Amino acid sequence: MELLIFMTKTASKHAIGAGSANATAMASKGKARPALKMKQELVARLVEKLKKAKVIALADLRELPDRQFGALRKKLKGKAEFVVAKNSLIVRAIEKSGKGKELLPHMKSSTALILTELNPFELYKFVKKARGKAAAKPGQIAPFDLVVPAGETALPPGPVLTELKNAKIQAQIQGGKVVIAKDSTVAKKGEKINELAAKALQKLGIEPFTVGMNVVAALEGAVVYMKDVMDIDEDKFMADLVGAYRNALNLSVEAGYPTKQNIEILVGKAYNNAKNLAVEANIYEKEVIGLILAKARRAHDAIAVNVKFDAPAPAASEQAAAPTEAKAEEKSEDAEEKKE
């Protein structure tokens, strides 16, 4: 799928490469072909493209450098087609095609259409990864505190030292190099970046801004996906998905609701419950007989420890007869002595 860029008299600066060449050729034939007819042909071509597109996305081109746009166009070659034209022509084509009207409320400022077979999430992910860093320009708003960290720089001594100091950067010369003595803030979050700070950051190679195409919305079928929906943190999403799966699995097991995913767990749980019941009820089955015997052994050992086996005490009649027998033996011995 080749990139198609429509040009008008007020076309975007992003119409480069083959698009610019086509536009130049069109412009050269302006006298032979009235501007109105050119616009009608452009709209007709776009109508056909819109009817065939699986996904139509809107992209905001503000503050998108030509270099970034060209790189993104190359990366998406064969996967997506860009249409850069005057908003009025895009609106007219959408209305005539009857496809993409849901996107019209989201068209603001300089807009490009992206026609692709990728689903909205794949497209957004691709475009997001293509974003790059950019240097600060005077007048831009600092997205966060712009801090120049302490440490050595690659800058040689010279006028640059004065430029850095003018930007409120604590710089000095050490060992033939410009060194930042301590962390220095050149602009607070929300403040405008002045010319001195922007120039100093460029000298130091610090690029605080992230630039890239901003996909505002995408239409697939009858569903419009906004930027905040398509911008997914994949790591967090996967962690949440795994957590949800585990919670659902635990719930289904506790509820005894059989599914393909939990059937082995449920069967194992049922087997263990049946085995425990058989042991407690002393049901003699092959699978539990060993456990029942072990339980009986433990009960026997517990009884043996708690009971003492002492010798039985003599009966009362035996205890009374013992002194009488002893006295009889003594009298017999005395009689024998007298006879002697």
C-alpha atoms as a PDB file:
ATOM      1  CA  MET A   1       0.000   0.000   0.000  1.00  0.00           C
ATOM      2  CA  GLU A   2       1.679   3.227  -1.127  1.00  0.00           C
ATOM      3  CA  LEU A   3       1.618   6.466   0.763  1.00  0.00           C
ATOM      4  CA  LEU A   4      -0.877   8.903  -0.723  1.00  0.00           C
ATOM      5  CA  ILE A   5      -0.598  12.597   0.097  1.00  0.00           C
ATOM      6  CA  PHE A   6      -3.052  15.109  -1.301  1.00  0.00           C
ATOM      7  CA  MET A   7      -1.821  18.657  -1.810  1.00  0.00           C
ATOM      8  CA  THR A   8      -3.784  21.886  -1.911  1.00  0.00           C
ATOM      9  CA  LYS A   9      -2.667  25.499  -1.827  1.00  0.00           C
ATOM     10  CA  THR A  10      -2.720  25.350   1.977  1.00  0.00           C
ATOM     11  CA  ALA A  11      -1.469  21.788   2.333  1.00  0.00           C
ATOM     12  CA  SER A  12       0.607  20.759   5.325  1.00  0.00           C
ATOM     13  CA  LYS A  13       4.377  21.062   5.377  1.00  0.00           C
ATOM     14  CA  HIS A  14       4.457  17.288   5.866  1.00  0.00           C
ATOM     15  CA  ALA A  15       3.602  16.644   2.219  1.00  0.00           C
ATOM     16  CA  ILE A  16       7.128  15.638   1.248  1.00  0.00           C
ATOM     17  CA  GLY A  17       8.858  13.191  -1.038  1.00  0.00           C
ATOM     18  CA  ALA A  18       6.667  11.641  -3.677  1.00  0.00           C
ATOM     19  CA  GLY A  19       3.700  13.646  -2.387  1.00  0.00           C
ATOM     20  CA  SER A  20       5.467  16.942  -3.005  1.00  0.00           C
ATOM     21  CA  ALA A  21       6.499  15.849  -6.467  1.00  0.00           C
ATOM     22  CA  ASN A  22       2.912  14.979  -7.336  1.00  0.00           C
ATOM     23  CA  ALA A  23       1.719  18.259  -5.885  1.00  0.00           C
ATOM     24  CA  THR A  24       4.227  20.229  -7.918  1.00  0.00           C
ATOM     25  CA  ALA A  25       3.097  18.467 -11.064  1.00  0.00           C
ATOM     26  CA  MET A  26      -0.518  19.252 -10.223  1.00  0.00           C
ATOM     27  CA  ALA A  27       0.269  22.881  -9.509  1.00  0.00           C
ATOM     28  CA  SER A  28       2.044  23.259 -12.858  1.00  0.00           C
ATOM     29  CA  LYS A  29      -1.125  22.217 -14.610  1.00  0.00           C
ATOM     30  CA  GLY A  30      -3.229  24.635 -12.614  1.00  0.00           C
ATOM     31  CA  LYS A  31      -4.043  26.795 -15.647  1.00  0.00           C
ATOM     32  CA  ALA A  32      -5.253  23.819 -17.670  1.00  0.00           C
ATOM     33  CA  ARG A  33      -7.092  22.229 -14.810  1.00  0.00           C
ATOM     34  CA  PRO A  34      -9.124  24.579 -12.619  1.00  0.00           C
ATOM     35  CA  ALA A  35      -8.584  24.332  -8.872  1.00  0.00           C
ATOM     36  CA  LEU A  36     -12.169  23.249  -8.315  1.00  0.00           C
ATOM     37  CA  LYS A  37     -11.813  20.272 -10.617  1.00  0.00           C
ATOM     38  CA  MET A  38      -8.578  19.263  -8.906  1.00  0.00           C
ATOM     39  CA  LYS A  39     -10.277  19.301  -5.525  1.00  0.00           C
ATOM     40  CA  GLN A  40     -13.184  17.264  -6.840  1.00  0.00           C
ATOM     41  CA  GLU A  41     -10.794  14.606  -8.169  1.00  0.00           C
ATOM     42  CA  LEU A  42      -8.889  14.511  -4.903  1.00  0.00           C
ATOM     43  CA  VAL A  43     -12.106  14.088  -2.937  1.00  0.00           C
ATOM     44  CA  ALA A  44     -13.275  11.330  -5.306  1.00  0.00           C
ATOM     45  CA  ARG A  45     -10.019   9.415  -4.841  1.00  0.00           C
ATOM     46  CA  LEU A  46     -10.224   9.772  -1.091  1.00  0.00           C
ATOM     47  CA  VAL A  47     -13.842   8.559  -1.075  1.00  0.00           C
ATOM     48  CA  GLU A  48     -12.732   5.300  -2.714  1.00  0.00           C
ATOM     49  CA  LYS A  49      -9.896   4.910  -0.224  1.00  0.00           C
ATOM     50  CA  LEU A  50     -12.222   5.458   2.720  1.00  0.00           C
ATOM     51  CA  LYS A  51     -14.720   2.876   1.503  1.00  0.00           C
ATOM     52  CA  LYS A  52     -12.023   0.186   1.321  1.00  0.00           C
ATOM     53  CA  ALA A  53     -10.263   1.011   4.606  1.00  0.00           C
ATOM     54  CA  LYS A  54     -10.723  -1.367   7.520  1.00  0.00           C
ATOM     55  CA  VAL A  55      -9.558   1.213  10.069  1.00  0.00           C
ATOM     56  CA  ILE A  56      -9.600   5.004   9.740  1.00  0.00           C
ATOM     57  CA  ALA A  57      -7.558   7.000  12.237  1.00  0.00           C
ATOM     58  CA  LEU A  58      -7.131  10.710  12.889  1.00  0.00           C
ATOM     59  CA  ALA A  59      -3.676  12.060  13.667  1.00  0.00           C
ATOM     60  CA  ASP A  60      -2.703  15.490  14.992  1.00  0.00           C
ATOM     61  CA  LEU A  61       0.332  16.810  13.100  1.00  0.00           C
ATOM     62  CA  ARG A  62       1.076  19.833  15.249  1.00  0.00           C
ATOM     63  CA  GLU A  63       4.717  20.138  16.285  1.00  0.00           C
ATOM     64  CA  LEU A  64       5.619  17.010  14.323  1.00  0.00           C
ATOM     65  CA  PRO A  65       9.014  17.557  12.617  1.00  0.00           C
ATOM     66  CA  ASP A  66       9.336  16.586   8.962  1.00  0.00           C
ATOM     67  CA  ARG A  67      12.148  14.213   9.886  1.00  0.00           C
ATOM     68  CA  GLN A  68       9.923  12.313  12.304  1.00  0.00           C
ATOM     69  CA  PHE A  69       7.065  12.177   9.836  1.00  0.00           C
ATOM     70  CA  GLY A  70       9.302  10.833   7.079  1.00  0.00           C
ATOM     71  CA  ALA A  71      10.745   8.142   9.353  1.00  0.00           C
ATOM     72  CA  LEU A  72       7.273   7.047  10.476  1.00  0.00           C
ATOM     73  CA  ARG A  73       6.046   6.942   6.897  1.00  0.00           C
ATOM     74  CA  LYS A  74       8.877   4.578   5.955  1.00  0.00           C
ATOM     75  CA  LYS A  75       8.268   2.297   8.928  1.00  0.00           C
ATOM     76  CA  LEU A  76       4.567   2.003   8.122  1.00  0.00           C
ATOM     77  CA  LYS A  77       5.063   1.503   4.395  1.00  0.00           C
ATOM     78  CA  GLY A  78       2.905  -1.403   3.294  1.00  0.00           C
ATOM     79  CA  LYS A  79       0.943  -1.311   6.547  1.00  0.00           C
ATOM     80  CA  ALA A  80      -0.729   2.087   6.491  1.00  0.00           C
ATOM     81  CA  GLU A  81      -1.501   4.941   4.134  1.00  0.00           C
ATOM     82  CA  PHE A  82      -1.356   8.603   5.151  1.00  0.00           C
ATOM     83  CA  VAL A  83      -3.593  11.302   3.735  1.00  0.00           C
ATOM     84  CA  VAL A  84      -2.561  14.890   4.416  1.00  0.00           C
ATOM     85  CA  ALA A  85      -4.956  17.494   3.033  1.00  0.00           C
ATOM     86  CA  LYS A  86      -6.973  20.508   3.962  1.00  0.00           C
ATOM     87  CA  ASN A  87      -9.513  19.618   6.646  1.00  0.00           C
ATOM     88  CA  SER A  88     -12.406  20.821   4.482  1.00  0.00           C
ATOM     89  CA  LEU A  89     -11.498  18.309   1.767  1.00  0.00           C
ATOM     90  CA  ILE A  90     -11.226  15.466   4.279  1.00  0.00           C
ATOM     91  CA  VAL A  91     -14.623  16.359   5.745  1.00  0.00           C
ATOM     92  CA  ARG A  92     -16.183  16.448   2.278  1.00  0.00           C
ATOM     93  CA  ALA A  93     -14.753  13.035   1.382  1.00  0.00           C
ATOM     94  CA  ILE A  94     -15.953  11.503   4.651  1.00  0.00           C
ATOM     95  CA  GLU A  95     -19.450  12.875   4.153  1.00  0.00           C
ATOM     96  CA  LYS A  96     -19.628  11.594   0.563  1.00  0.00           C
ATOM     97  CA  SER A  97     -18.304   8.155   1.445  1.00  0.00           C
ATOM     98  CA  GLY A  98     -20.667   7.811   4.386  1.00  0.00           C
ATOM     99  CA  LYS A  99     -17.797   6.287   6.352  1.00  0.00           C
ATOM    100  CA  GLY A 100     -15.925   7.967   9.187  1.00  0.00           C
ATOM    101  CA  LYS A 101     -18.531  10.539  10.231  1.00  0.00           C
ATOM    102  CA  GLU A 102     -17.971   9.488  13.846  1.00  0.00           C
ATOM    103  CA  LEU A 103     -14.486  11.026  13.630  1.00  0.00           C
ATOM    104  CA  LEU A 104     -15.561  14.484  12.501  1.00  0.00           C
ATOM    105  CA  PRO A 105     -16.088  15.895  16.042  1.00  0.00           C
ATOM    106  CA  HIS A 106     -12.463  15.050  16.825  1.00  0.00           C
ATOM    107  CA  MET A 107     -10.924  16.879  13.839  1.00  0.00           C
ATOM    108  CA  LYS A 108      -9.014  19.868  15.157  1.00  0.00           C
ATOM    109  CA  SER A 109      -6.142  21.911  13.760  1.00  0.00           C
ATOM    110  CA  SER A 110      -3.859  20.219  11.230  1.00  0.00           C
ATOM    111  CA  THR A 111      -5.118  16.674  10.718  1.00  0.00           C
ATOM    112  CA  ALA A 112      -3.988  13.638   8.787  1.00  0.00           C
ATOM    113  CA  LEU A 113      -5.949  10.495   8.012  1.00  0.00           C
ATOM    114  CA  ILE A 114      -4.380   7.077   8.451  1.00  0.00           C
ATOM    115  CA  LEU A 115      -5.964   4.249   6.466  1.00  0.00           C
ATOM    116  CA  THR A 116      -4.791   0.815   7.548  1.00  0.00           C
ATOM    117  CA  GLU A 117      -5.528  -2.873   7.966  1.00  0.00           C
ATOM    118  CA  LEU A 118      -3.959  -2.805  11.424  1.00  0.00           C
ATOM    119  CA  ASN A 119      -6.373  -2.768  14.328  1.00  0.00           C
ATOM    120  CA  PRO A 120      -6.473   0.506  16.334  1.00  0.00           C
ATOM    121  CA  PHE A 121      -4.333  -0.847  19.167  1.00  0.00           C
ATOM    122  CA  GLU A 122      -1.619  -2.161  16.843  1.00  0.00           C
ATOM    123  CA  LEU A 123      -1.545   1.150  14.994  1.00  0.00           C
ATOM    124  CA  TYR A 124      -1.311   3.213  18.178  1.00  0.00           C
ATOM    125  CA  LYS A 125       1.427   0.998  19.569  1.00  0.00           C
ATOM    126  CA  PHE A 126       3.437   1.292  16.355  1.00  0.00           C
ATOM    127  CA  VAL A 127       3.097   5.081  16.238  1.00  0.00           C
ATOM    128  CA  LYS A 128       3.906   5.421  19.942  1.00  0.00           C
ATOM    129  CA  LYS A 129       7.129   3.425  19.571  1.00  0.00           C
ATOM    130  CA  ALA A 130       8.199   5.698  16.735  1.00  0.00           C
ATOM    131  CA  ARG A 131       8.253   8.767  18.959  1.00  0.00           C
ATOM    132  CA  GLY A 132      11.605  10.412  19.501  1.00  0.00           C
ATOM    133  CA  LYS A 133      13.347  13.124  21.468  1.00  0.00           C
ATOM    134  CA  ALA A 134      13.527  16.771  20.419  1.00  0.00           C
ATOM    135  CA  ALA A 135      15.445  19.832  21.560  1.00  0.00           C
ATOM    136  CA  ALA A 136      13.735  22.634  23.438  1.00  0.00           C
ATOM    137  CA  LYS A 137      12.777  25.793  21.564  1.00  0.00           C
ATOM    138  CA  PRO A 138      12.344  29.280  23.011  1.00  0.00           C
ATOM    139  CA  GLY A 139       8.762  29.876  24.104  1.00  0.00           C
ATOM    140  CA  GLN A 140       7.891  26.217  24.669  1.00  0.00           C
ATOM    141  CA  ILE A 141       6.400  25.208  28.023  1.00  0.00           C
ATOM    142  CA  ALA A 142       8.591  22.980  30.172  1.00  0.00           C
ATOM    143  CA  PRO A 143       6.820  19.597  30.581  1.00  0.00           C
ATOM    144  CA  PHE A 144       8.698  19.055  33.851  1.00  0.00           C
ATOM    145  CA  ASP A 145      11.546  20.657  35.795  1.00  0.00           C
ATOM    146  CA  LEU A 146      14.417  20.931  33.313  1.00  0.00           C
ATOM    147  CA  VAL A 147      17.527  20.061  35.308  1.00  0.00           C
ATOM    148  CA  VAL A 148      21.066  19.919  33.979  1.00  0.00           C
ATOM    149  CA  PRO A 149      22.788  17.201  36.036  1.00  0.00           C
ATOM    150  CA  ALA A 150      26.175  17.693  37.635  1.00  0.00           C
ATOM    151  CA  GLY A 151      29.159  16.116  35.905  1.00  0.00           C
ATOM    152  CA  GLU A 152      31.580  16.435  33.020  1.00  0.00           C
ATOM    153  CA  THR A 153      30.518  17.588  29.572  1.00  0.00           C
ATOM    154  CA  ALA A 154      32.063  17.082  26.153  1.00  0.00           C
ATOM    155  CA  LEU A 155      32.310  20.833  25.637  1.00  0.00           C
ATOM    156  CA  PRO A 156      35.752  22.454  25.406  1.00  0.00           C
ATOM    157  CA  PRO A 157      36.493  25.671  27.310  1.00  0.00           C
ATOM    158  CA  GLY A 158      35.487  28.874  25.537  1.00  0.00           C
ATOM    159  CA  PRO A 159      32.520  31.186  25.075  1.00  0.00           C
ATOM    160  CA  VAL A 160      30.180  28.294  25.857  1.00  0.00           C
ATOM    161  CA  LEU A 161      31.075  28.667  29.540  1.00  0.00           C
ATOM    162  CA  THR A 162      29.542  32.146  29.585  1.00  0.00           C
ATOM    163  CA  GLU A 163      26.468  30.908  27.707  1.00  0.00           C
ATOM    164  CA  LEU A 164      25.887  28.205  30.289  1.00  0.00           C
ATOM    165  CA  LYS A 165      26.284  30.605  33.186  1.00  0.00           C
ATOM    166  CA  ASN A 166      23.851  33.050  31.576  1.00  0.00           C
ATOM    167  CA  ALA A 167      21.323  30.199  31.542  1.00  0.00           C
ATOM    168  CA  LYS A 168      21.759  29.802  35.338  1.00  0.00           C
ATOM    169  CA  ILE A 169      23.886  26.673  34.956  1.00  0.00           C
ATOM    170  CA  GLN A 170      26.716  26.379  37.467  1.00  0.00           C
ATOM    171  CA  ALA A 171      29.496  25.521  35.057  1.00  0.00           C
ATOM    172  CA  GLN A 172      33.266  25.706  35.485  1.00  0.00           C
ATOM    173  CA  ILE A 173      36.455  24.459  33.859  1.00  0.00           C
ATOM    174  CA  GLN A 174      38.256  21.425  35.237  1.00  0.00           C
ATOM    175  CA  GLY A 175      41.000  19.446  33.524  1.00  0.00           C
ATOM    176  CA  GLY A 176      40.500  21.196  30.215  1.00  0.00           C
ATOM    177  CA  LYS A 177      36.738  20.458  30.110  1.00  0.00           C
ATOM    178  CA  VAL A 178      33.569  22.275  30.975  1.00  0.00           C
ATOM    179  CA  VAL A 179      32.078  20.689  34.098  1.00  0.00           C
ATOM    180  CA  ILE A 180      28.684  21.241  35.691  1.00  0.00           C
ATOM    181  CA  ALA A 181      29.465  21.773  39.374  1.00  0.00           C
ATOM    182  CA  LYS A 182      25.985  20.879  40.680  1.00  0.00           C
ATOM    183  CA  ASP A 183      22.498  20.114  39.391  1.00  0.00           C
ATOM    184  CA  SER A 184      21.082  23.277  37.844  1.00  0.00           C
ATOM    185  CA  THR A 185      17.424  23.966  37.018  1.00  0.00           C
ATOM    186  CA  VAL A 186      16.981  26.067  33.892  1.00  0.00           C
ATOM    187  CA  ALA A 187      13.160  26.005  33.816  1.00  0.00           C
ATOM    188  CA  LYS A 188      10.455  24.885  36.212  1.00  0.00           C
ATOM    189  CA  LYS A 189       7.528  22.752  35.090  1.00  0.00           C
ATOM    190  CA  GLY A 190       4.935  24.940  33.366  1.00  0.00           C
ATOM    191  CA  GLU A 191       7.333  27.821  32.745  1.00  0.00           C
ATOM    192  CA  LYS A 192       8.255  29.140  29.313  1.00  0.00           C
ATOM    193  CA  ILE A 193      11.733  28.182  28.168  1.00  0.00           C
ATOM    194  CA  ASN A 194      13.735  31.320  27.395  1.00  0.00           C
ATOM    195  CA  GLU A 195      16.209  31.630  24.561  1.00  0.00           C
ATOM    196  CA  LEU A 196      19.289  31.330  26.794  1.00  0.00           C
ATOM    197  CA  ALA A 197      18.035  28.115  28.412  1.00  0.00           C
ATOM    198  CA  ALA A 198      17.030  26.589  25.051  1.00  0.00           C
ATOM    199  CA  LYS A 199      20.441  27.370  23.554  1.00  0.00           C
ATOM    200  CA  ALA A 200      22.280  25.962  26.595  1.00  0.00           C
ATOM    201  CA  LEU A 201      20.278  22.725  26.510  1.00  0.00           C
ATOM    202  CA  GLN A 202      21.035  22.316  22.811  1.00  0.00           C
ATOM    203  CA  LYS A 203      24.748  22.833  23.442  1.00  0.00           C
ATOM    204  CA  LEU A 204      24.663  20.120  26.101  1.00  0.00           C
ATOM    205  CA  GLY A 205      22.715  17.741  23.862  1.00  0.00           C
ATOM    206  CA  ILE A 206      19.752  17.610  26.223  1.00  0.00           C
ATOM    207  CA  GLU A 207      16.462  16.918  24.431  1.00  0.00           C
ATOM    208  CA  PRO A 208      13.653  17.225  26.976  1.00  0.00           C
ATOM    209  CA  PHE A 209      10.710  16.907  24.592  1.00  0.00           C
ATOM    210  CA  THR A 210       9.128  13.810  23.106  1.00  0.00           C
ATOM    211  CA  VAL A 211       7.800  14.304  19.602  1.00  0.00           C
ATOM    212  CA  GLY A 212       5.783  12.077  17.358  1.00  0.00           C
ATOM    213  CA  MET A 213       2.489  11.680  15.618  1.00  0.00           C
ATOM    214  CA  ASN A 214      -0.440  11.953  17.975  1.00  0.00           C
ATOM    215  CA  VAL A 215      -3.213   9.490  17.071  1.00  0.00           C
ATOM    216  CA  VAL A 216      -6.347  11.159  18.422  1.00  0.00           C
ATOM    217  CA  ALA A 217      -9.009   8.590  17.528  1.00  0.00           C
ATOM    218  CA  ALA A 218      -9.523   5.513  15.354  1.00  0.00           C
ATOM    219  CA  LEU A 219     -12.658   4.044  13.806  1.00  0.00           C
ATOM    220  CA  GLU A 220     -13.088   0.305  13.300  1.00  0.00           C
ATOM    221  CA  GLY A 221     -16.516  -0.799  12.194  1.00  0.00           C
ATOM    222  CA  ALA A 222     -18.922   1.309  14.210  1.00  0.00           C
ATOM    223  CA  VAL A 223     -16.646   1.735  17.230  1.00  0.00           C
ATOM    224  CA  VAL A 224     -14.523   4.828  17.852  1.00  0.00           C
ATOM    225  CA  TYR A 225     -11.437   4.228  20.000  1.00  0.00           C
ATOM    226  CA  MET A 226     -10.063   7.329  21.688  1.00  0.00           C
ATOM    227  CA  LYS A 227      -6.429   7.888  22.557  1.00  0.00           C
ATOM    228  CA  ASP A 228      -6.805   7.071  26.257  1.00  0.00           C
ATOM    229  CA  VAL A 229      -8.356   3.699  25.347  1.00  0.00           C
ATOM    230  CA  MET A 230      -5.676   2.755  22.813  1.00  0.00           C
ATOM    231  CA  ASP A 231      -2.780   3.856  25.024  1.00  0.00           C
ATOM    232  CA  ILE A 232      -2.340   0.630  26.984  1.00  0.00           C
ATOM    233  CA  ASP A 233       0.409  -0.091  29.497  1.00  0.00           C
ATOM    234  CA  GLU A 234       1.062  -3.646  28.338  1.00  0.00           C
ATOM    235  CA  ASP A 235       3.017  -4.728  31.426  1.00  0.00           C
ATOM    236  CA  LYS A 236       0.280  -3.530  33.777  1.00  0.00           C
ATOM    237  CA  PHE A 237      -2.408  -4.973  31.531  1.00  0.00           C
ATOM    238  CA  MET A 238      -0.766  -8.423  31.533  1.00  0.00           C
ATOM    239  CA  ALA A 239      -0.304  -8.320  35.317  1.00  0.00           C
ATOM    240  CA  ASP A 240      -3.982  -7.411  35.765  1.00  0.00           C
ATOM    241  CA  LEU A 241      -5.002 -10.147  33.345  1.00  0.00           C
ATOM    242  CA  VAL A 242      -2.986 -12.789  35.190  1.00  0.00           C
ATOM    243  CA  GLY A 243      -4.434 -11.622  38.513  1.00  0.00           C
ATOM    244  CA  ALA A 244      -7.982 -11.773  37.152  1.00  0.00           C
ATOM    245  CA  TYR A 245      -7.374 -15.301  35.837  1.00  0.00           C
ATOM    246  CA  ARG A 246      -6.104 -16.503  39.200  1.00  0.00           C
ATOM    247  CA  ASN A 247      -9.037 -14.943  41.053  1.00  0.00           C
ATOM    248  CA  ALA A 248     -11.533 -16.505  38.640  1.00  0.00           C
ATOM    249  CA  LEU A 249      -9.834 -19.896  38.940  1.00  0.00           C
ATOM    250  CA  ASN A 250      -9.902 -19.784  42.742  1.00  0.00           C
ATOM    251  CA  LEU A 251     -13.547 -18.734  42.753  1.00  0.00           C
ATOM    252  CA  SER A 252     -14.579 -21.547  40.403  1.00  0.00           C
ATOM    253  CA  VAL A 253     -12.709 -24.129  42.507  1.00  0.00           C
ATOM    254  CA  GLU A 254     -14.263 -22.903  45.774  1.00  0.00           C
ATOM    255  CA  ALA A 255     -17.717 -22.869  44.166  1.00  0.00           C
ATOM    256  CA  GLY A 256     -17.217 -26.318  42.636  1.00  0.00           C
ATOM    257  CA  TYR A 257     -17.985 -24.999  39.155  1.00  0.00           C
ATOM    258  CA  PRO A 258     -16.229 -27.302  36.651  1.00  0.00           C
ATOM    259  CA  THR A 259     -14.426 -25.818  33.659  1.00  0.00           C
ATOM    260  CA  LYS A 260     -11.723 -26.987  31.291  1.00  0.00           C
ATOM    261  CA  GLN A 261      -9.164 -24.950  33.233  1.00  0.00           C
ATOM    262  CA  ASN A 262     -10.013 -26.228  36.727  1.00  0.00           C
ATOM    263  CA  ILE A 263     -11.282 -29.781  36.225  1.00  0.00           C
ATOM    264  CA  GLU A 264      -8.026 -31.424  37.301  1.00  0.00           C
ATOM    265  CA  ILE A 265      -7.930 -29.308  40.451  1.00  0.00           C
ATOM    266  CA  LEU A 266     -11.559 -30.157  41.274  1.00  0.00           C
ATOM    267  CA  VAL A 267     -11.021 -33.907  40.748  1.00  0.00           C
ATOM    268  CA  GLY A 268      -7.923 -33.824  42.952  1.00  0.00           C
ATOM    269  CA  LYS A 269      -9.820 -31.903  45.627  1.00  0.00           C
ATOM    270  CA  ALA A 270     -12.735 -34.377  45.499  1.00  0.00           C
ATOM    271  CA  TYR A 271     -10.363 -37.361  45.748  1.00  0.00           C
ATOM    272  CA  ASN A 272      -8.636 -35.930  48.807  1.00  0.00           C
ATOM    273  CA  ASN A 273     -11.964 -35.146  50.494  1.00  0.00           C
ATOM    274  CA  ALA A 274     -13.241 -38.682  49.834  1.00  0.00           C
ATOM    275  CA  LYS A 275     -10.044 -40.215  51.197  1.00  0.00           C
ATOM    276  CA  ASN A 276     -10.188 -38.106  54.361  1.00  0.00           C
ATOM    277  CA  LEU A 277     -13.819 -39.088  54.891  1.00  0.00           C
ATOM    278  CA  ALA A 278     -13.011 -42.776  54.495  1.00  0.00           C
ATOM    279  CA  VAL A 279     -10.230 -42.549  57.074  1.00  0.00           C
ATOM    280  CA  GLU A 280     -12.396 -40.716  59.611  1.00  0.00           C
ATOM    281  CA  ALA A 281     -15.300 -43.169  59.123  1.00  0.00           C
ATOM    282  CA  ASN A 282     -12.993 -46.237  59.134  1.00  0.00           C
ATOM    283  CA  ILE A 283     -14.185 -47.402  55.728  1.00  0.00           C
ATOM    284  CA  TYR A 284     -11.813 -50.180  54.751  1.00  0.00           C
ATOM    285  CA  GLU A 285     -10.772 -49.510  51.168  1.00  0.00           C
ATOM    286  CA  LYS A 286      -7.547 -50.343  49.430  1.00  0.00           C
ATOM    287  CA  GLU A 287      -6.573 -46.669  49.082  1.00  0.00           C
ATOM    288  CA  VAL A 288      -6.997 -45.853  52.787  1.00  0.00           C
ATOM    289  CA  ILE A 289      -6.334 -49.075  54.742  1.00  0.00           C
ATOM    290  CA  GLY A 290      -2.762 -48.029  55.452  1.00  0.00           C
ATOM    291  CA  LEU A 291      -3.941 -44.661  56.784  1.00  0.00           C
ATOM    292  CA  ILE A 292      -6.560 -46.319  59.010  1.00  0.00           C
ATOM    293  CA  LEU A 293      -3.945 -48.694  60.492  1.00  0.00           C
ATOM    294  CA  ALA A 294      -1.607 -45.781  61.080  1.00  0.00           C
ATOM    295  CA  LYS A 295      -4.432 -43.940  62.857  1.00  0.00           C
ATOM    296  CA  ALA A 296      -5.077 -46.996  65.067  1.00  0.00           C
ATOM    297  CA  ARG A 297      -1.395 -47.253  65.895  1.00  0.00           C
ATOM    298  CA  ARG A 298      -1.286 -43.621  66.967  1.00  0.00           C
ATOM    299  CA  ALA A 299      -4.320 -44.146  69.198  1.00  0.00           C
ATOM    300  CA  HIS A 300      -2.676 -47.216  70.793  1.00  0.00           C
ATOM    301  CA  ASP A 301       0.551 -45.319  71.447  1.00  0.00           C
ATOM    302  CA  ALA A 302      -1.347 -42.469  73.052  1.00  0.00           C
ATOM    303  CA  ILE A 303      -3.149 -44.851  75.424  1.00  0.00           C
ATOM    304  CA  ALA A 304       0.094 -46.644  76.330  1.00  0.00           C
ATOM    305  CA  VAL A 305       1.744 -43.417  77.328  1.00  0.00           C
ATOM    306  CA  ASN A 306      -1.110 -42.280  79.569  1.00  0.00           C
ATOM    307  CA  VAL A 307      -1.775 -45.637  81.489  1.00  0.00           C
ATOM    308  CA  LYS A 308       0.657 -47.051  84.217  1.00  0.00           C
ATOM    309  CA  PHE A 309       0.850 -50.871  84.755  1.00  0.00           C
ATOM    310  CA  ASP A 310       1.602 -51.297  88.635  1.00  0.00           C
ATOM    311  CA  ALA A 311       1.686 -54.769  90.546  1.00  0.00           C
ATOM    312  CA  PRO A 312      -1.711 -55.615  92.151  1.00  0.00           C
ATOM    313  CA  ALA A 313      -2.012 -55.100  95.971  1.00  0.00           C
ATOM    314  CA  PRO A 314      -2.500 -58.285  98.169  1.00  0.00           C
ATOM    315  CA  ALA A 315      -6.037 -59.166  99.265  1.00  0.00           C
ATOM    316  CA  ALA A 316      -7.200 -58.261 102.838  1.00  0.00           C
ATOM    317  CA  SER A 317      -7.598 -61.954 103.929  1.00  0.00           C
ATOM    318  CA  GLU A 318      -4.036 -62.643 102.868  1.00  0.00           C
ATOM    319  CA  GLN A 319      -2.768 -59.656 104.867  1.00  0.00           C
ATOM    320  CA  ALA A 320      -4.632 -60.935 108.054  1.00  0.00           C
ATOM    321  CA  ALA A 321      -3.373 -64.505 107.741  1.00  0.00           C
ATOM    322  CA  ALA A 322       0.248 -63.519 107.498  1.00  0.00           C
ATOM    323  CA  PRO A 323       0.784 -62.604 111.268  1.00  0.00           C
ATOM    324  CA  THR A 324      -0.971 -65.821 112.462  1.00  0.00           C
ATOM    325  CA  GLU A 325       1.330 -67.984 110.378  1.00  0.00           C
ATOM    326  CA  ALA A 326       4.350 -66.159 111.746  1.00  0.00           C
ATOM    327  CA  LYS A 327       3.277 -66.706 115.400  1.00  0.00           C
ATOM    328  CA  ALA A 328       2.657 -70.439 114.799  1.00  0.00           C
ATOM    329  CA  GLU A 329       6.136 -70.836 113.413  1.00  0.00           C
ATOM    330  CA  GLU A 330       7.632 -69.132 116.522  1.00  0.00           C
ATOM    331  CA  LYS A 331       5.734 -71.497 118.951  1.00  0.00           C
ATOM    332  CA  SER A 332       6.888 -74.574 117.063  1.00  0.00           C
ATOM    333  CA  GLU A 333      10.491 -73.452 117.306  1.00  0.00           C
ATOM    334  CA  ASP A 334      10.187 -72.908 121.174  1.00  0.00           C
ATOM    335  CA  ALA A 335       8.700 -76.380 121.733  1.00  0.00           C
ATOM    336  CA  GLU A 336      11.520 -78.032 119.890  1.00  0.00           C
ATOM    337  CA  GLU A 337      14.113 -76.212 122.007  1.00  0.00           C
ATOM    338  CA  LYS A 338      12.483 -77.394 125.297  1.00  0.00           C
ATOM    339  CA  LYS A 339      12.514 -81.020 124.205  1.00  0.00           C
ATOM    340  CA  GLU A 340      16.177 -80.822 123.599  1.00  0.00           C
END
